[in-house]
Amino acid sequence: MAADWRDEVAARVRGEAVRDAPLAPRTSIRIGGPAELLLRPADPDDLVAALRAARELGIPVHVLGGGANTLVADRGVRGLVLRLPAELGGETAAPPRLVLPAGLPTARAVQRAHALGLVGAEFLRGIPGTLGGALAMNAGTRTGEMAGVVTHVEAATADGPLEIPAAELGFAYRTCRVPPGAVVTRIGLLLRPGDVAATGSAMDEEWERRKRTQPLELPSFGSTFRNPPGDFAGRLVEAAGLKGYRVGGAQVSERHANFVVNVGGATARDVLALVRLMRDRVRERFGVTLETEVRLVGDFAEDERL
């Protein structure tokens, strides 16, 4: 990379570009080093300009989103880190269809749908992060998942804007495949008219259940592992005797064993050591290899990787 690449990228965009920006406060588990350059693009065209500059300069690009299900390396992230503003691209409503910005927090997406008398997105309330992050993980709960409501996505690439129908996104369990180099800017949803008050009440009940059964008061990824077919990752980790186990400031939650929580001062190295232990112990005891839902971003050493 050229020594002055950050100046070059900053000169080509209109959005806010911050050098050596701390990322720990921008992740749900509150861990990680700084970004070489953190950019909040001004609009979709500005995002295209940033992606084009990064391609021409040979700079890696990472999309942070809302920072859920993400572990940033202690040494930080080399290259350009994108954080999309909540209103980037704006909203389009033609009920029961709704197109929302990818950077919108999930709870606000539900609020926007209810304001239009639409239901079907209530599962998003209990999922941390942004709508774009929920798309990337095909996030869901017992009451629904993104694959059931997405019609298409709009994306930015170094070559310009792109629209991708849902059928081409390869939705599967906790999986969505966006073309390489594309950054989703807006997400189309097909919901349905309904009794917002009744669904809101049911949503509140589900939220109360989650607060009772999950450690929502502590920094975490959300779920650490995908549930294996016919079983639950949390049950296996607990049965392996690791509920409450701690490495440094990282702990297997005493409330739900599929959550790794930051009980204070945890490092990415602590978390990775604990996650490896959880996975290895379950494999040794039950012959099941758990797959993580956690995305690693940044400059990890070879012995830190999962």
C-alpha atoms as a PDB file:
ATOM      1  CA  MET A   1       0.000   0.000   0.000  1.00  0.00           C
ATOM      2  CA  ALA A   2       1.127   3.563  -0.627  1.00  0.00           C
ATOM      3  CA  ALA A   3       2.179   5.365   2.555  1.00  0.00           C
ATOM      4  CA  ASP A   4      -0.318   8.167   1.935  1.00  0.00           C
ATOM      5  CA  TRP A   5      -3.302   6.069   0.902  1.00  0.00           C
ATOM      6  CA  ARG A   6      -5.465   7.493   3.705  1.00  0.00           C
ATOM      7  CA  ASP A   7      -4.953  11.024   2.397  1.00  0.00           C
ATOM      8  CA  GLU A   8      -5.833   9.855  -1.091  1.00  0.00           C
ATOM      9  CA  VAL A   9      -9.060   8.140  -0.009  1.00  0.00           C
ATOM     10  CA  ALA A  10     -10.090  11.071   2.189  1.00  0.00           C
ATOM     11  CA  ALA A  11      -9.547  13.455  -0.721  1.00  0.00           C
ATOM     12  CA  ARG A  12     -11.913  11.455  -2.961  1.00  0.00           C
ATOM     13  CA  VAL A  13     -14.883  11.236  -0.586  1.00  0.00           C
ATOM     14  CA  ARG A  14     -17.258  13.707   1.060  1.00  0.00           C
ATOM     15  CA  GLY A  15     -18.078  11.687   4.146  1.00  0.00           C
ATOM     16  CA  GLU A  16     -16.352  11.692   7.511  1.00  0.00           C
ATOM     17  CA  ALA A  17     -12.960   9.926   7.395  1.00  0.00           C
ATOM     18  CA  VAL A  18     -11.204   9.297  10.734  1.00  0.00           C
ATOM     19  CA  ARG A  19      -7.669   7.966  11.117  1.00  0.00           C
ATOM     20  CA  ASP A  20      -6.856   5.415  13.833  1.00  0.00           C
ATOM     21  CA  ALA A  21     -10.489   5.332  14.942  1.00  0.00           C
ATOM     22  CA  PRO A  22     -11.201   3.173  18.033  1.00  0.00           C
ATOM     23  CA  LEU A  23     -13.458   0.254  17.085  1.00  0.00           C
ATOM     24  CA  ALA A  24     -14.091  -1.380  20.476  1.00  0.00           C
ATOM     25  CA  PRO A  25     -16.884   1.101  21.354  1.00  0.00           C
ATOM     26  CA  ARG A  26     -18.433   0.379  17.959  1.00  0.00           C
ATOM     27  CA  THR A  27     -18.825  -3.369  18.527  1.00  0.00           C
ATOM     28  CA  SER A  28     -21.399  -5.106  20.682  1.00  0.00           C
ATOM     29  CA  ILE A  29     -18.738  -7.001  22.666  1.00  0.00           C
ATOM     30  CA  ARG A  30     -16.643  -3.829  23.191  1.00  0.00           C
ATOM     31  CA  ILE A  31     -13.341  -5.360  22.066  1.00  0.00           C
ATOM     32  CA  GLY A  32     -10.761  -4.510  19.414  1.00  0.00           C
ATOM     33  CA  GLY A  33      -8.085  -2.132  18.242  1.00  0.00           C
ATOM     34  CA  PRO A  34      -8.360   0.858  15.885  1.00  0.00           C
ATOM     35  CA  ALA A  35      -9.176   1.141  12.188  1.00  0.00           C
ATOM     36  CA  GLU A  36      -6.466   2.607   9.986  1.00  0.00           C
ATOM     37  CA  LEU A  37      -9.225   4.659   8.364  1.00  0.00           C
ATOM     38  CA  LEU A  38     -12.903   4.664   9.338  1.00  0.00           C
ATOM     39  CA  LEU A  39     -15.302   6.162   6.795  1.00  0.00           C
ATOM     40  CA  ARG A  40     -18.944   7.177   7.083  1.00  0.00           C
ATOM     41  CA  PRO A  41     -19.912   7.832   3.450  1.00  0.00           C
ATOM     42  CA  ALA A  42     -22.155  10.812   2.777  1.00  0.00           C
ATOM     43  CA  ASP A  43     -24.482   8.943   0.377  1.00  0.00           C
ATOM     44  CA  PRO A  44     -24.478   5.903  -1.945  1.00  0.00           C
ATOM     45  CA  ASP A  45     -22.510   7.762  -4.636  1.00  0.00           C
ATOM     46  CA  ASP A  46     -19.870   8.629  -2.039  1.00  0.00           C
ATOM     47  CA  LEU A  47     -19.683   4.962  -1.095  1.00  0.00           C
ATOM     48  CA  VAL A  48     -19.090   4.045  -4.750  1.00  0.00           C
ATOM     49  CA  ALA A  49     -16.263   6.621  -4.859  1.00  0.00           C
ATOM     50  CA  ALA A  50     -14.698   5.110  -1.722  1.00  0.00           C
ATOM     51  CA  LEU A  51     -14.882   1.577  -3.104  1.00  0.00           C
ATOM     52  CA  ARG A  52     -13.386   2.717  -6.405  1.00  0.00           C
ATOM     53  CA  ALA A  53     -10.530   4.482  -4.610  1.00  0.00           C
ATOM     54  CA  ALA A  54      -9.840   1.428  -2.468  1.00  0.00           C
ATOM     55  CA  ARG A  55      -9.748  -0.824  -5.535  1.00  0.00           C
ATOM     56  CA  GLU A  56      -7.408   1.490  -7.432  1.00  0.00           C
ATOM     57  CA  LEU A  57      -5.084   1.830  -4.434  1.00  0.00           C
ATOM     58  CA  GLY A  58      -5.165  -1.851  -3.500  1.00  0.00           C
ATOM     59  CA  ILE A  59      -6.681  -1.180  -0.074  1.00  0.00           C
ATOM     60  CA  PRO A  60      -8.717  -3.895   1.699  1.00  0.00           C
ATOM     61  CA  VAL A  61     -12.271  -2.910   2.662  1.00  0.00           C
ATOM     62  CA  HIS A  62     -14.215  -4.069   5.707  1.00  0.00           C
ATOM     63  CA  VAL A  63     -17.840  -3.257   6.524  1.00  0.00           C
ATOM     64  CA  LEU A  64     -18.392  -2.901  10.261  1.00  0.00           C
ATOM     65  CA  GLY A  65     -22.165  -2.485  10.345  1.00  0.00           C
ATOM     66  CA  GLY A  66     -23.556  -2.297  13.862  1.00  0.00           C
ATOM     67  CA  GLY A  67     -20.681  -4.348  15.264  1.00  0.00           C
ATOM     68  CA  ALA A  68     -22.772  -7.355  16.363  1.00  0.00           C
ATOM     69  CA  ASN A  69     -21.426 -10.893  15.749  1.00  0.00           C
ATOM     70  CA  THR A  70     -18.059  -9.256  15.089  1.00  0.00           C
ATOM     71  CA  LEU A  71     -14.696  -9.659  16.803  1.00  0.00           C
ATOM     72  CA  VAL A  72     -12.121  -7.007  15.937  1.00  0.00           C
ATOM     73  CA  ALA A  73      -8.456  -7.930  16.392  1.00  0.00           C
ATOM     74  CA  ASP A  74      -6.578  -6.416  19.320  1.00  0.00           C
ATOM     75  CA  ARG A  75      -4.108  -4.992  16.794  1.00  0.00           C
ATOM     76  CA  GLY A  76      -6.931  -3.333  14.893  1.00  0.00           C
ATOM     77  CA  VAL A  77      -7.896  -3.366  11.227  1.00  0.00           C
ATOM     78  CA  ARG A  78      -5.661  -2.535   8.304  1.00  0.00           C
ATOM     79  CA  GLY A  79      -7.282  -0.775   5.385  1.00  0.00           C
ATOM     80  CA  LEU A  80     -10.600   0.997   5.022  1.00  0.00           C
ATOM     81  CA  VAL A  81     -13.421   0.285   7.474  1.00  0.00           C
ATOM     82  CA  LEU A  82     -16.911   1.364   6.416  1.00  0.00           C
ATOM     83  CA  ARG A  83     -19.699   2.259   8.800  1.00  0.00           C
ATOM     84  CA  LEU A  84     -22.881   3.190   6.957  1.00  0.00           C
ATOM     85  CA  PRO A  85     -25.004   6.004   8.399  1.00  0.00           C
ATOM     86  CA  ALA A  86     -28.438   4.897   9.583  1.00  0.00           C
ATOM     87  CA  GLU A  87     -30.233   6.896   6.890  1.00  0.00           C
ATOM     88  CA  LEU A  88     -27.884   6.274   3.954  1.00  0.00           C
ATOM     89  CA  GLY A  89     -29.989   6.032   0.794  1.00  0.00           C
ATOM     90  CA  GLY A  90     -33.242   6.928   2.558  1.00  0.00           C
ATOM     91  CA  GLU A  91     -36.490   5.013   2.803  1.00  0.00           C
ATOM     92  CA  THR A  92     -39.069   4.088   0.168  1.00  0.00           C
ATOM     93  CA  ALA A  93     -42.522   2.928   1.253  1.00  0.00           C
ATOM     94  CA  ALA A  94     -45.235   1.417  -0.921  1.00  0.00           C
ATOM     95  CA  PRO A  95     -47.030  -0.809   1.609  1.00  0.00           C
ATOM     96  CA  PRO A  96     -46.792  -3.718   2.020  1.00  0.00           C
ATOM     97  CA  ARG A  97     -43.369  -3.163   0.429  1.00  0.00           C
ATOM     98  CA  LEU A  98     -40.729  -1.192   2.285  1.00  0.00           C
ATOM     99  CA  VAL A  99     -37.129  -0.368   1.345  1.00  0.00           C
ATOM    100  CA  LEU A 100     -34.928   0.619   4.290  1.00  0.00           C
ATOM    101  CA  PRO A 101     -31.278   1.652   4.690  1.00  0.00           C
ATOM    102  CA  ALA A 102     -28.890  -1.171   5.562  1.00  0.00           C
ATOM    103  CA  GLY A 103     -27.361   0.960   8.315  1.00  0.00           C
ATOM    104  CA  LEU A 104     -30.674   1.326  10.148  1.00  0.00           C
ATOM    105  CA  PRO A 105     -30.702  -0.266  13.629  1.00  0.00           C
ATOM    106  CA  THR A 106     -32.915  -3.348  13.655  1.00  0.00           C
ATOM    107  CA  ALA A 107     -35.244  -1.965  16.347  1.00  0.00           C
ATOM    108  CA  ARG A 108     -35.900   1.131  14.237  1.00  0.00           C
ATOM    109  CA  ALA A 109     -36.716  -1.042  11.225  1.00  0.00           C
ATOM    110  CA  VAL A 110     -39.536  -2.616  13.242  1.00  0.00           C
ATOM    111  CA  GLN A 111     -40.719   0.832  14.335  1.00  0.00           C
ATOM    112  CA  ARG A 112     -40.857   2.031  10.723  1.00  0.00           C
ATOM    113  CA  ALA A 113     -42.890  -1.004   9.685  1.00  0.00           C
ATOM    114  CA  HIS A 114     -45.365  -0.550  12.556  1.00  0.00           C
ATOM    115  CA  ALA A 115     -45.750   3.141  11.737  1.00  0.00           C
ATOM    116  CA  LEU A 116     -47.049   2.027   8.332  1.00  0.00           C
ATOM    117  CA  GLY A 117     -49.347  -0.606   9.828  1.00  0.00           C
ATOM    118  CA  LEU A 118     -47.135  -3.465   8.646  1.00  0.00           C
ATOM    119  CA  VAL A 119     -46.215  -6.617  10.563  1.00  0.00           C
ATOM    120  CA  GLY A 120     -43.869  -9.518   9.922  1.00  0.00           C
ATOM    121  CA  ALA A 121     -40.532  -8.014  10.949  1.00  0.00           C
ATOM    122  CA  GLU A 122     -41.016  -8.296  14.717  1.00  0.00           C
ATOM    123  CA  PHE A 123     -38.297 -10.947  15.023  1.00  0.00           C
ATOM    124  CA  LEU A 124     -35.752  -8.177  14.379  1.00  0.00           C
ATOM    125  CA  ARG A 125     -36.359  -6.457  17.696  1.00  0.00           C
ATOM    126  CA  GLY A 126     -34.324  -8.962  19.683  1.00  0.00           C
ATOM    127  CA  ILE A 127     -31.406  -8.970  17.227  1.00  0.00           C
ATOM    128  CA  PRO A 128     -28.604  -6.458  17.903  1.00  0.00           C
ATOM    129  CA  GLY A 129     -26.953  -4.362  15.221  1.00  0.00           C
ATOM    130  CA  THR A 130     -28.211  -3.061  11.901  1.00  0.00           C
ATOM    131  CA  LEU A 131     -30.559  -4.299   9.200  1.00  0.00           C
ATOM    132  CA  GLY A 132     -27.564  -4.937   6.943  1.00  0.00           C
ATOM    133  CA  GLY A 133     -25.915  -7.071   9.600  1.00  0.00           C
ATOM    134  CA  ALA A 134     -29.145  -9.009  10.055  1.00  0.00           C
ATOM    135  CA  LEU A 135     -29.178  -9.620   6.296  1.00  0.00           C
ATOM    136  CA  ALA A 136     -25.560 -10.802   6.242  1.00  0.00           C
ATOM    137  CA  MET A 137     -26.313 -13.432   8.910  1.00  0.00           C
ATOM    138  CA  ASN A 138     -29.838 -14.217   7.686  1.00  0.00           C
ATOM    139  CA  ALA A 139     -30.605 -13.433  11.296  1.00  0.00           C
ATOM    140  CA  GLY A 140     -33.751 -14.686  12.948  1.00  0.00           C
ATOM    141  CA  THR A 141     -35.474 -15.969  16.041  1.00  0.00           C
ATOM    142  CA  ARG A 142     -38.241 -18.478  16.733  1.00  0.00           C
ATOM    143  CA  THR A 143     -40.675 -16.069  15.045  1.00  0.00           C
ATOM    144  CA  GLY A 144     -38.985 -15.449  11.694  1.00  0.00           C
ATOM    145  CA  GLU A 145     -35.810 -14.727   9.733  1.00  0.00           C
ATOM    146  CA  MET A 146     -34.590 -12.322   7.071  1.00  0.00           C
ATOM    147  CA  ALA A 147     -34.973 -14.812   4.213  1.00  0.00           C
ATOM    148  CA  GLY A 148     -38.723 -14.771   4.811  1.00  0.00           C
ATOM    149  CA  VAL A 149     -39.166 -11.033   4.254  1.00  0.00           C
ATOM    150  CA  VAL A 150     -36.395  -9.794   1.914  1.00  0.00           C
ATOM    151  CA  THR A 151     -37.351  -9.113  -1.720  1.00  0.00           C
ATOM    152  CA  HIS A 152     -34.096  -7.604  -2.990  1.00  0.00           C
ATOM    153  CA  VAL A 153     -31.101  -5.533  -1.956  1.00  0.00           C
ATOM    154  CA  GLU A 154     -29.484  -2.446  -3.417  1.00  0.00           C
ATOM    155  CA  ALA A 155     -25.699  -2.349  -3.257  1.00  0.00           C
ATOM    156  CA  ALA A 156     -22.738  -0.174  -4.131  1.00  0.00           C
ATOM    157  CA  THR A 157     -19.695  -1.491  -5.987  1.00  0.00           C
ATOM    158  CA  ALA A 158     -16.552   0.114  -7.343  1.00  0.00           C
ATOM    159  CA  ASP A 159     -18.275   0.075 -10.737  1.00  0.00           C
ATOM    160  CA  GLY A 160     -21.516   1.680  -9.559  1.00  0.00           C
ATOM    161  CA  PRO A 161     -24.870   0.695  -8.056  1.00  0.00           C
ATOM    162  CA  LEU A 162     -26.297  -2.820  -8.261  1.00  0.00           C
ATOM    163  CA  GLU A 163     -29.666  -4.397  -7.476  1.00  0.00           C
ATOM    164  CA  ILE A 164     -29.797  -8.054  -6.458  1.00  0.00           C
ATOM    165  CA  PRO A 165     -33.039 -10.083  -6.149  1.00  0.00           C
ATOM    166  CA  ALA A 166     -33.463 -12.216  -3.050  1.00  0.00           C
ATOM    167  CA  ALA A 167     -33.342 -15.409  -5.130  1.00  0.00           C
ATOM    168  CA  GLU A 168     -29.686 -14.651  -5.936  1.00  0.00           C
ATOM    169  CA  LEU A 169     -28.608 -14.107  -2.328  1.00  0.00           C
ATOM    170  CA  GLY A 170     -28.216 -17.787  -1.470  1.00  0.00           C
ATOM    171  CA  PHE A 171     -30.144 -17.607   1.779  1.00  0.00           C
ATOM    172  CA  ALA A 172     -29.584 -20.547   4.132  1.00  0.00           C
ATOM    173  CA  TYR A 173     -29.393 -21.041   7.882  1.00  0.00           C
ATOM    174  CA  ARG A 174     -27.511 -17.971   9.186  1.00  0.00           C
ATOM    175  CA  THR A 175     -26.126 -17.420   5.692  1.00  0.00           C
ATOM    176  CA  CYS A 176     -26.545 -14.839   2.929  1.00  0.00           C
ATOM    177  CA  ARG A 177     -24.184 -14.435  -0.020  1.00  0.00           C
ATOM    178  CA  VAL A 178     -23.681 -10.939  -1.407  1.00  0.00           C
ATOM    179  CA  PRO A 179     -21.400 -10.676  -4.480  1.00  0.00           C
ATOM    180  CA  PRO A 180     -17.738 -10.011  -3.596  1.00  0.00           C
ATOM    181  CA  GLY A 181     -16.934  -6.304  -3.527  1.00  0.00           C
ATOM    182  CA  ALA A 182     -20.568  -5.249  -3.116  1.00  0.00           C
ATOM    183  CA  VAL A 183     -21.713  -3.289  -0.058  1.00  0.00           C
ATOM    184  CA  VAL A 184     -25.446  -3.413   0.626  1.00  0.00           C
ATOM    185  CA  THR A 185     -26.981   0.051   1.001  1.00  0.00           C
ATOM    186  CA  ARG A 186     -30.738  -0.644   1.148  1.00  0.00           C
ATOM    187  CA  ILE A 187     -32.891  -3.714   1.734  1.00  0.00           C
ATOM    188  CA  GLY A 188     -36.330  -4.369   0.299  1.00  0.00           C
ATOM    189  CA  LEU A 189     -38.880  -6.029   2.577  1.00  0.00           C
ATOM    190  CA  LEU A 190     -42.278  -7.519   1.814  1.00  0.00           C
ATOM    191  CA  LEU A 191     -44.392  -7.403   4.965  1.00  0.00           C
ATOM    192  CA  ARG A 192     -48.156  -7.524   5.467  1.00  0.00           C
ATOM    193  CA  PRO A 193     -50.867  -5.302   6.920  1.00  0.00           C
ATOM    194  CA  GLY A 194     -51.836  -6.437  10.399  1.00  0.00           C
ATOM    195  CA  ASP A 195     -52.755  -5.674  13.968  1.00  0.00           C
ATOM    196  CA  VAL A 196     -49.738  -3.684  15.085  1.00  0.00           C
ATOM    197  CA  ALA A 197     -50.940  -3.484  18.686  1.00  0.00           C
ATOM    198  CA  ALA A 198     -51.361  -7.251  18.987  1.00  0.00           C
ATOM    199  CA  THR A 199     -48.039  -8.052  17.339  1.00  0.00           C
ATOM    200  CA  GLY A 200     -46.387  -5.369  19.437  1.00  0.00           C
ATOM    201  CA  SER A 201     -47.668  -7.068  22.572  1.00  0.00           C
ATOM    202  CA  ALA A 202     -46.391 -10.440  21.395  1.00  0.00           C
ATOM    203  CA  MET A 203     -43.062  -8.806  20.545  1.00  0.00           C
ATOM    204  CA  ASP A 204     -42.842  -7.383  24.072  1.00  0.00           C
ATOM    205  CA  GLU A 205     -43.476 -10.840  25.533  1.00  0.00           C
ATOM    206  CA  GLU A 206     -40.744 -12.360  23.371  1.00  0.00           C
ATOM    207  CA  TRP A 207     -38.374  -9.568  24.383  1.00  0.00           C
ATOM    208  CA  GLU A 208     -39.070 -10.216  28.076  1.00  0.00           C
ATOM    209  CA  ARG A 209     -38.366 -13.915  27.533  1.00  0.00           C
ATOM    210  CA  ARG A 210     -35.045 -13.105  25.894  1.00  0.00           C
ATOM    211  CA  LYS A 211     -34.082 -10.795  28.760  1.00  0.00           C
ATOM    212  CA  ARG A 212     -34.782 -13.612  31.222  1.00  0.00           C
ATOM    213  CA  THR A 213     -32.820 -16.240  29.303  1.00  0.00           C
ATOM    214  CA  GLN A 214     -29.984 -14.259  27.672  1.00  0.00           C
ATOM    215  CA  PRO A 215     -27.278 -11.982  29.161  1.00  0.00           C
ATOM    216  CA  LEU A 216     -28.430  -8.852  27.344  1.00  0.00           C
ATOM    217  CA  GLU A 217     -27.054  -6.574  30.060  1.00  0.00           C
ATOM    218  CA  LEU A 218     -23.423  -7.528  29.254  1.00  0.00           C
ATOM    219  CA  PRO A 219     -21.362  -6.905  26.096  1.00  0.00           C
ATOM    220  CA  SER A 220     -21.484  -9.961  23.824  1.00  0.00           C
ATOM    221  CA  PHE A 221     -21.674 -11.042  20.179  1.00  0.00           C
ATOM    222  CA  GLY A 222     -25.138 -12.411  20.533  1.00  0.00           C
ATOM    223  CA  SER A 223     -25.008 -16.149  19.867  1.00  0.00           C
ATOM    224  CA  THR A 224     -21.489 -17.520  19.508  1.00  0.00           C
ATOM    225  CA  PHE A 225     -22.236 -20.769  17.638  1.00  0.00           C
ATOM    226  CA  ARG A 226     -24.837 -21.872  15.144  1.00  0.00           C
ATOM    227  CA  ASN A 227     -27.203 -24.506  16.446  1.00  0.00           C
ATOM    228  CA  PRO A 228     -26.266 -27.916  15.012  1.00  0.00           C
ATOM    229  CA  PRO A 229     -29.049 -29.903  13.336  1.00  0.00           C
ATOM    230  CA  GLY A 230     -31.508 -31.213  15.897  1.00  0.00           C
ATOM    231  CA  ASP A 231     -29.773 -29.698  18.909  1.00  0.00           C
ATOM    232  CA  PHE A 232     -28.781 -26.443  20.590  1.00  0.00           C
ATOM    233  CA  ALA A 233     -25.233 -25.132  20.893  1.00  0.00           C
ATOM    234  CA  GLY A 234     -25.919 -23.692  24.343  1.00  0.00           C
ATOM    235  CA  ARG A 235     -27.118 -27.052  25.643  1.00  0.00           C
ATOM    236  CA  LEU A 236     -23.972 -28.787  24.384  1.00  0.00           C
ATOM    237  CA  VAL A 237     -21.609 -26.188  25.854  1.00  0.00           C
ATOM    238  CA  GLU A 238     -23.402 -26.359  29.198  1.00  0.00           C
ATOM    239  CA  ALA A 239     -23.396 -30.175  29.168  1.00  0.00           C
ATOM    240  CA  ALA A 240     -19.634 -30.009  28.521  1.00  0.00           C
ATOM    241  CA  GLY A 241     -19.275 -28.238  31.871  1.00  0.00           C
ATOM    242  CA  LEU A 242     -18.261 -24.817  30.580  1.00  0.00           C
ATOM    243  CA  LYS A 243     -21.118 -22.596  31.731  1.00  0.00           C
ATOM    244  CA  GLY A 244     -19.490 -19.736  33.649  1.00  0.00           C
ATOM    245  CA  TYR A 245     -15.948 -20.708  32.541  1.00  0.00           C
ATOM    246  CA  ARG A 246     -13.652 -17.725  32.140  1.00  0.00           C
ATOM    247  CA  VAL A 247     -10.507 -16.827  30.197  1.00  0.00           C
ATOM    248  CA  GLY A 248      -9.240 -13.391  31.174  1.00  0.00           C
ATOM    249  CA  GLY A 249     -12.149 -10.987  30.841  1.00  0.00           C
ATOM    250  CA  ALA A 250     -14.165 -13.318  28.575  1.00  0.00           C
ATOM    251  CA  GLN A 251     -16.717 -15.668  30.122  1.00  0.00           C
ATOM    252  CA  VAL A 252     -19.215 -18.271  28.992  1.00  0.00           C
ATOM    253  CA  SER A 253     -22.417 -16.664  30.230  1.00  0.00           C
ATOM    254  CA  GLU A 254     -23.884 -18.140  33.387  1.00  0.00           C
ATOM    255  CA  ARG A 255     -27.331 -17.436  31.963  1.00  0.00           C
ATOM    256  CA  HIS A 256     -26.962 -18.904  28.462  1.00  0.00           C
ATOM    257  CA  ALA A 257     -23.960 -21.028  27.479  1.00  0.00           C
ATOM    258  CA  ASN A 258     -24.030 -19.994  23.795  1.00  0.00           C
ATOM    259  CA  PHE A 259     -23.116 -16.432  24.769  1.00  0.00           C
ATOM    260  CA  VAL A 260     -19.555 -15.266  25.403  1.00  0.00           C
ATOM    261  CA  VAL A 261     -19.670 -12.077  27.471  1.00  0.00           C
ATOM    262  CA  ASN A 262     -17.101  -9.415  28.230  1.00  0.00           C
ATOM    263  CA  VAL A 263     -17.122  -9.175  32.023  1.00  0.00           C
ATOM    264  CA  GLY A 264     -14.473  -6.457  31.960  1.00  0.00           C
ATOM    265  CA  GLY A 265     -11.209  -5.897  30.112  1.00  0.00           C
ATOM    266  CA  ALA A 266     -11.542  -8.843  27.747  1.00  0.00           C
ATOM    267  CA  THR A 267      -9.251  -8.982  24.727  1.00  0.00           C
ATOM    268  CA  ALA A 268      -9.830 -10.622  21.382  1.00  0.00           C
ATOM    269  CA  ARG A 269      -7.169 -13.166  22.348  1.00  0.00           C
ATOM    270  CA  ASP A 270      -9.162 -14.031  25.502  1.00  0.00           C
ATOM    271  CA  VAL A 271     -12.327 -14.516  23.465  1.00  0.00           C
ATOM    272  CA  LEU A 272     -10.689 -16.686  20.825  1.00  0.00           C
ATOM    273  CA  ALA A 273      -9.066 -18.913  23.448  1.00  0.00           C
ATOM    274  CA  LEU A 274     -12.426 -19.377  25.144  1.00  0.00           C
ATOM    275  CA  VAL A 275     -14.315 -20.040  21.896  1.00  0.00           C
ATOM    276  CA  ARG A 276     -11.723 -22.625  20.844  1.00  0.00           C
ATOM    277  CA  LEU A 277     -12.063 -24.332  24.220  1.00  0.00           C
ATOM    278  CA  MET A 278     -15.862 -24.417  23.922  1.00  0.00           C
ATOM    279  CA  ARG A 279     -15.681 -25.904  20.438  1.00  0.00           C
ATOM    280  CA  ASP A 280     -12.968 -28.441  21.326  1.00  0.00           C
ATOM    281  CA  ARG A 281     -14.665 -29.594  24.526  1.00  0.00           C
ATOM    282  CA  VAL A 282     -18.015 -30.150  22.768  1.00  0.00           C
ATOM    283  CA  ARG A 283     -16.295 -32.073  19.964  1.00  0.00           C
ATOM    284  CA  GLU A 284     -14.422 -34.259  22.469  1.00  0.00           C
ATOM    285  CA  ARG A 285     -17.506 -34.989  24.580  1.00  0.00           C
ATOM    286  CA  PHE A 286     -20.221 -35.309  21.939  1.00  0.00           C
ATOM    287  CA  GLY A 287     -18.515 -35.662  18.541  1.00  0.00           C
ATOM    288  CA  VAL A 288     -20.197 -32.458  17.301  1.00  0.00           C
ATOM    289  CA  THR A 289     -18.156 -29.685  15.687  1.00  0.00           C
ATOM    290  CA  LEU A 290     -19.824 -26.350  16.384  1.00  0.00           C
ATOM    291  CA  GLU A 291     -19.612 -23.612  13.749  1.00  0.00           C
ATOM    292  CA  THR A 292     -19.200 -20.036  14.916  1.00  0.00           C
ATOM    293  CA  GLU A 293     -21.512 -17.189  13.979  1.00  0.00           C
ATOM    294  CA  VAL A 294     -18.727 -14.712  14.806  1.00  0.00           C
ATOM    295  CA  ARG A 295     -16.995 -12.755  12.040  1.00  0.00           C
ATOM    296  CA  LEU A 296     -13.299 -12.011  12.615  1.00  0.00           C
ATOM    297  CA  VAL A 297     -12.166  -8.619  11.327  1.00  0.00           C
ATOM    298  CA  GLY A 298      -8.638  -7.267  11.407  1.00  0.00           C
ATOM    299  CA  ASP A 299      -4.998  -8.113  11.943  1.00  0.00           C
ATOM    300  CA  PHE A 300      -5.093 -11.421  13.821  1.00  0.00           C
ATOM    301  CA  ALA A 301      -1.943 -13.447  14.463  1.00  0.00           C
ATOM    302  CA  GLU A 302      -1.885 -16.987  13.081  1.00  0.00           C
ATOM    303  CA  ASP A 303      -2.286 -18.511  16.556  1.00  0.00           C
ATOM    304  CA  GLU A 304      -5.351 -16.353  17.235  1.00  0.00           C
ATOM    305  CA  ARG A 305      -7.539 -17.631  14.436  1.00  0.00           C
ATOM    306  CA  LEU A 306     -10.380 -20.076  14.920  1.00  0.00           C
END
